[in-house]
Amino acid sequence: MEAIQAQSRALGTGTTVKALRRNGWVPAIVYGSDMGNQTIQVLGKDLDAALRHQATNKPFRLSVDGNAHDVMVYELQRHPLMGNILHADFKKINMNEKIHTTVPVLMTGDPELGVATLIRHSVEVSCLPGNIPESFTVDVDGFNIGDVVLVSDLQVPPGVELGLDSTEVLISVLPVKAKSEESIEAQHAAAEVAEQAEATTEQAKKV
């Protein structure tokens, strides 16, 4: 688990916040049911380094004036042009209690024919904070037009529960078309496959 050092911060004027950022600090807030809201500041380089080593949906250890908290990044505000972090919100968590969060779906490889389209870019999961997958990666190498990836096709680690129906389509391989048509085609194809998968599941239940 990545560790980030922080300092408590008194609420101040916009000028004070600008001065913090000029000196390399990121204004932030950490909150939890047992601590309320606490304004803090973290070094931008430390937060950037931590985020390079793990995804934002994974827990962090945040040390505020020597007091350690297990937290997750709730929200990051970045500069629209420069990309640097302007503000961060951290939520205190209990590592022994399940939480609900989202995990991104990523693709690798290239289909033999057609183009692979992500129908859903993330899936909802429920698990202990330490078991949160960084991502679900699907290899579409060798796929052909008409092939799909369902929720049930994901490699789900032990202790992780998905919040989606197993027949929901995540990836669909479609013919190469104009981008304006591709999105509409993907939605139609996904709906048809989902209906077929659901019908197959219902038929299996009757047998």
Protein backbone atom coordinates (compact mmCIF):
# COMPACT_ATOMS: atom_id res chain seq x y z
CA MET A 1 0.00 0.00 0.00
CA GLU A 2 1.35 3.40 -0.98
CA ALA A 3 1.98 5.89 1.85
CA ILE A 4 1.49 9.65 1.56
CA GLN A 5 2.62 12.25 4.08
CA ALA A 6 0.27 15.17 4.76
CA GLN A 7 -0.09 18.17 7.05
CA SER A 8 -3.21 19.69 8.57
CA ARG A 9 -4.22 22.98 6.99
CA ALA A 10 -6.36 25.87 8.18
CA LEU A 11 -8.97 27.14 5.78
CA GLY A 12 -7.76 30.32 4.14
CA THR A 13 -8.32 32.67 1.26
CA GLY A 14 -7.84 31.92 -2.41
CA THR A 15 -4.50 33.68 -2.24
CA THR A 16 -3.32 31.22 0.42
CA VAL A 17 -4.35 28.25 -1.74
CA LYS A 18 -2.49 29.71 -4.71
CA ALA A 19 0.60 30.15 -2.55
CA LEU A 20 0.38 26.50 -1.46
CA ARG A 21 0.29 25.34 -5.07
CA ARG A 22 3.19 27.59 -6.02
CA ASN A 23 5.23 25.89 -3.28
CA GLY A 24 4.39 22.41 -4.55
CA TRP A 25 1.52 21.58 -2.19
CA VAL A 26 -1.91 20.28 -3.13
CA PRO A 27 -4.83 21.42 -0.94
CA ALA A 28 -6.97 18.46 0.07
CA ILE A 29 -9.69 17.14 2.39
CA VAL A 30 -9.88 13.83 4.24
CA TYR A 31 -13.19 12.79 5.74
CA GLY A 32 -14.75 9.84 7.53
CA SER A 33 -17.63 8.93 9.82
CA ASP A 34 -15.38 9.04 12.88
CA MET A 35 -13.42 12.17 12.06
CA GLY A 36 -15.63 14.56 10.11
CA ASN A 37 -13.91 16.71 7.48
CA GLN A 38 -10.26 17.68 7.93
CA THR A 39 -8.50 20.09 5.59
CA ILE A 40 -4.96 19.03 4.77
CA GLN A 41 -2.16 19.61 2.29
CA VAL A 42 0.00 17.01 0.53
CA LEU A 43 3.09 17.45 -1.59
CA GLY A 44 2.13 17.26 -5.24
CA LYS A 45 5.22 15.22 -6.15
CA ASP A 46 4.41 12.63 -3.47
CA LEU A 47 0.81 12.26 -4.64
CA ASP A 48 1.88 12.04 -8.29
CA ALA A 49 4.45 9.38 -7.43
CA ALA A 50 1.89 7.33 -5.50
CA LEU A 51 -0.60 7.49 -8.38
CA ARG A 52 2.07 6.30 -10.79
CA HIS A 53 2.49 3.12 -8.74
CA GLN A 54 -1.18 2.26 -8.26
CA ALA A 55 -4.63 3.14 -9.53
CA THR A 56 -6.85 5.67 -7.76
CA ASN A 57 -9.35 2.92 -6.90
CA LYS A 58 -6.81 1.26 -4.58
CA PRO A 59 -6.38 2.19 -0.88
CA PHE A 60 -3.61 4.51 0.34
CA ARG A 61 -2.05 5.06 3.76
CA LEU A 62 -2.34 8.76 4.56
CA SER A 63 -0.30 10.10 7.48
CA VAL A 64 -1.60 13.46 8.74
CA ASP A 65 0.68 15.06 11.33
CA GLY A 66 1.81 11.59 12.37
CA ASN A 67 -1.71 10.05 12.53
CA ALA A 68 -2.15 7.27 9.97
CA HIS A 69 -5.42 6.74 8.08
CA ASP A 70 -6.38 4.16 5.46
CA VAL A 71 -8.04 6.13 2.67
CA MET A 72 -9.13 6.01 -0.93
CA VAL A 73 -9.07 8.83 -3.44
CA TYR A 74 -12.65 10.05 -3.76
CA GLU A 75 -12.03 12.85 -6.24
CA LEU A 76 -9.13 14.53 -8.02
CA GLN A 77 -9.31 17.94 -9.67
CA ARG A 78 -6.70 18.51 -12.36
CA HIS A 79 -5.72 21.56 -14.36
CA PRO A 80 -7.54 21.29 -17.72
CA LEU A 81 -4.38 22.08 -19.72
CA MET A 82 -1.37 21.25 -17.55
CA GLY A 83 -2.83 18.09 -16.00
CA ASN A 84 -1.36 18.76 -12.55
CA ILE A 85 -3.51 17.99 -9.49
CA LEU A 86 -5.25 21.08 -8.09
CA HIS A 87 -7.25 19.49 -5.27
CA ALA A 88 -7.81 16.03 -3.78
CA ASP A 89 -10.55 14.48 -1.66
CA PHE A 90 -9.71 11.39 0.43
CA LYS A 91 -12.27 9.13 2.13
CA LYS A 92 -11.25 7.20 5.24
CA ILE A 93 -12.07 3.47 5.02
CA ASN A 94 -12.01 0.36 7.18
CA MET A 95 -9.77 -2.27 5.62
CA ASN A 96 -11.92 -5.00 7.23
CA GLU A 97 -15.21 -3.83 5.71
CA LYS A 98 -16.39 -4.38 2.15
CA ILE A 99 -16.77 -1.33 -0.04
CA HIS A 100 -18.36 -0.66 -3.41
CA THR A 101 -16.22 0.85 -6.15
CA THR A 102 -15.57 0.64 -9.89
CA VAL A 103 -12.79 -1.14 -11.76
CA PRO A 104 -11.80 -0.16 -15.33
CA VAL A 105 -12.07 -2.63 -18.22
CA LEU A 106 -9.02 -2.59 -20.52
CA MET A 107 -8.34 -4.26 -23.86
CA THR A 108 -5.13 -5.68 -25.30
CA GLY A 109 -4.40 -7.23 -28.69
CA ASP A 110 -6.10 -6.74 -32.06
CA PRO A 111 -9.01 -8.64 -33.58
CA GLU A 112 -8.38 -10.76 -36.67
CA LEU A 113 -11.26 -8.95 -38.38
CA GLY A 114 -13.26 -5.90 -37.34
CA VAL A 115 -12.73 -3.46 -34.51
CA ALA A 116 -13.17 -4.17 -30.80
CA THR A 117 -15.42 -1.65 -29.07
CA LEU A 118 -15.76 -1.18 -25.32
CA ILE A 119 -19.44 -1.13 -24.45
CA ARG A 120 -18.66 -0.58 -20.76
CA HIS A 121 -15.44 1.09 -19.64
CA SER A 122 -15.77 -0.06 -16.03
CA VAL A 123 -17.63 -2.52 -13.82
CA GLU A 124 -18.91 -2.19 -10.27
CA VAL A 125 -17.38 -4.45 -7.63
CA SER A 126 -17.88 -5.19 -3.94
CA CYS A 127 -14.97 -6.49 -1.85
CA LEU A 128 -12.52 -5.69 0.92
CA PRO A 129 -10.34 -2.65 0.06
CA GLY A 130 -7.20 -4.78 -0.13
CA ASN A 131 -8.78 -7.06 -2.76
CA ILE A 132 -9.78 -4.39 -5.26
CA PRO A 133 -8.45 -5.32 -8.73
CA GLU A 134 -6.54 -2.54 -10.46
CA SER A 135 -8.32 -3.41 -13.71
CA PHE A 136 -9.96 -6.20 -15.70
CA THR A 137 -7.86 -6.76 -18.83
CA VAL A 138 -9.31 -8.64 -21.81
CA ASP A 139 -7.15 -9.91 -24.68
CA VAL A 140 -9.10 -9.55 -27.96
CA ASP A 141 -6.25 -10.83 -30.10
CA GLY A 142 -7.63 -13.08 -32.84
CA PHE A 143 -11.27 -12.15 -32.30
CA ASN A 144 -13.59 -11.88 -35.30
CA ILE A 145 -16.62 -9.81 -36.25
CA GLY A 146 -19.55 -10.77 -34.05
CA ASP A 147 -17.44 -11.96 -31.12
CA VAL A 148 -18.35 -10.49 -27.73
CA VAL A 149 -17.01 -10.50 -24.18
CA LEU A 150 -19.59 -10.88 -21.42
CA VAL A 151 -19.28 -10.09 -17.73
CA SER A 152 -19.14 -13.84 -17.14
CA ASP A 153 -15.94 -13.99 -19.23
CA LEU A 154 -13.95 -11.84 -16.82
CA GLN A 155 -11.26 -13.40 -14.63
CA VAL A 156 -12.53 -12.33 -11.21
CA PRO A 157 -10.19 -12.75 -8.21
CA PRO A 158 -11.45 -14.60 -5.11
CA GLY A 159 -13.38 -12.41 -2.69
CA VAL A 160 -14.55 -9.98 -5.40
CA GLU A 161 -18.23 -9.74 -6.31
CA LEU A 162 -19.42 -8.05 -9.50
CA GLY A 163 -22.39 -5.72 -9.50
CA LEU A 164 -23.47 -6.52 -13.07
CA ASP A 165 -25.52 -9.30 -14.64
CA SER A 166 -23.28 -12.07 -15.97
CA THR A 167 -24.87 -11.77 -19.46
CA GLU A 168 -24.09 -8.06 -19.88
CA VAL A 169 -21.84 -7.27 -22.86
CA LEU A 170 -18.54 -5.50 -22.14
CA ILE A 171 -16.79 -5.70 -25.53
CA SER A 172 -18.17 -6.26 -29.02
CA VAL A 173 -16.22 -6.79 -32.27
CA LEU A 174 -17.88 -4.93 -35.13
CA PRO A 175 -17.17 -4.29 -38.83
CA VAL A 176 -14.94 -1.29 -39.52
CA LYS A 177 -17.25 1.65 -40.15
CA ALA A 178 -17.30 5.40 -39.81
CA LYS A 179 -16.91 6.42 -36.18
CA SER A 180 -20.29 8.15 -36.24
CA GLU A 181 -21.97 4.85 -37.10
CA GLU A 182 -19.79 2.63 -34.93
CA SER A 183 -21.21 3.75 -31.59
CA ILE A 184 -24.81 3.18 -32.70
CA GLU A 185 -23.92 -0.20 -34.18
CA ALA A 186 -22.16 -1.21 -30.98
CA GLN A 187 -25.22 -0.40 -28.90
CA HIS A 188 -27.52 -2.40 -31.18
CA ALA A 189 -25.12 -5.35 -31.31
CA ALA A 190 -24.70 -5.33 -27.55
CA ALA A 191 -28.45 -5.30 -27.00
CA GLU A 192 -28.98 -8.23 -29.39
CA VAL A 193 -26.24 -10.33 -27.80
CA ALA A 194 -27.51 -9.56 -24.31
CA GLU A 195 -31.00 -10.71 -25.30
CA GLN A 196 -29.63 -13.91 -26.83
CA ALA A 197 -27.47 -14.61 -23.75
CA GLU A 198 -30.42 -14.01 -21.42
CA ALA A 199 -32.63 -16.30 -23.49
CA THR A 200 -29.97 -19.03 -23.36
CA THR A 201 -29.67 -18.64 -19.60
CA GLU A 202 -33.44 -18.90 -19.11
CA GLN A 203 -33.59 -21.97 -21.34
CA ALA A 204 -30.79 -23.62 -19.33
CA LYS A 205 -32.72 -23.03 -16.13
CA LYS A 206 -35.74 -24.90 -17.52
CA VAL A 207 -33.72 -28.00 -18.42
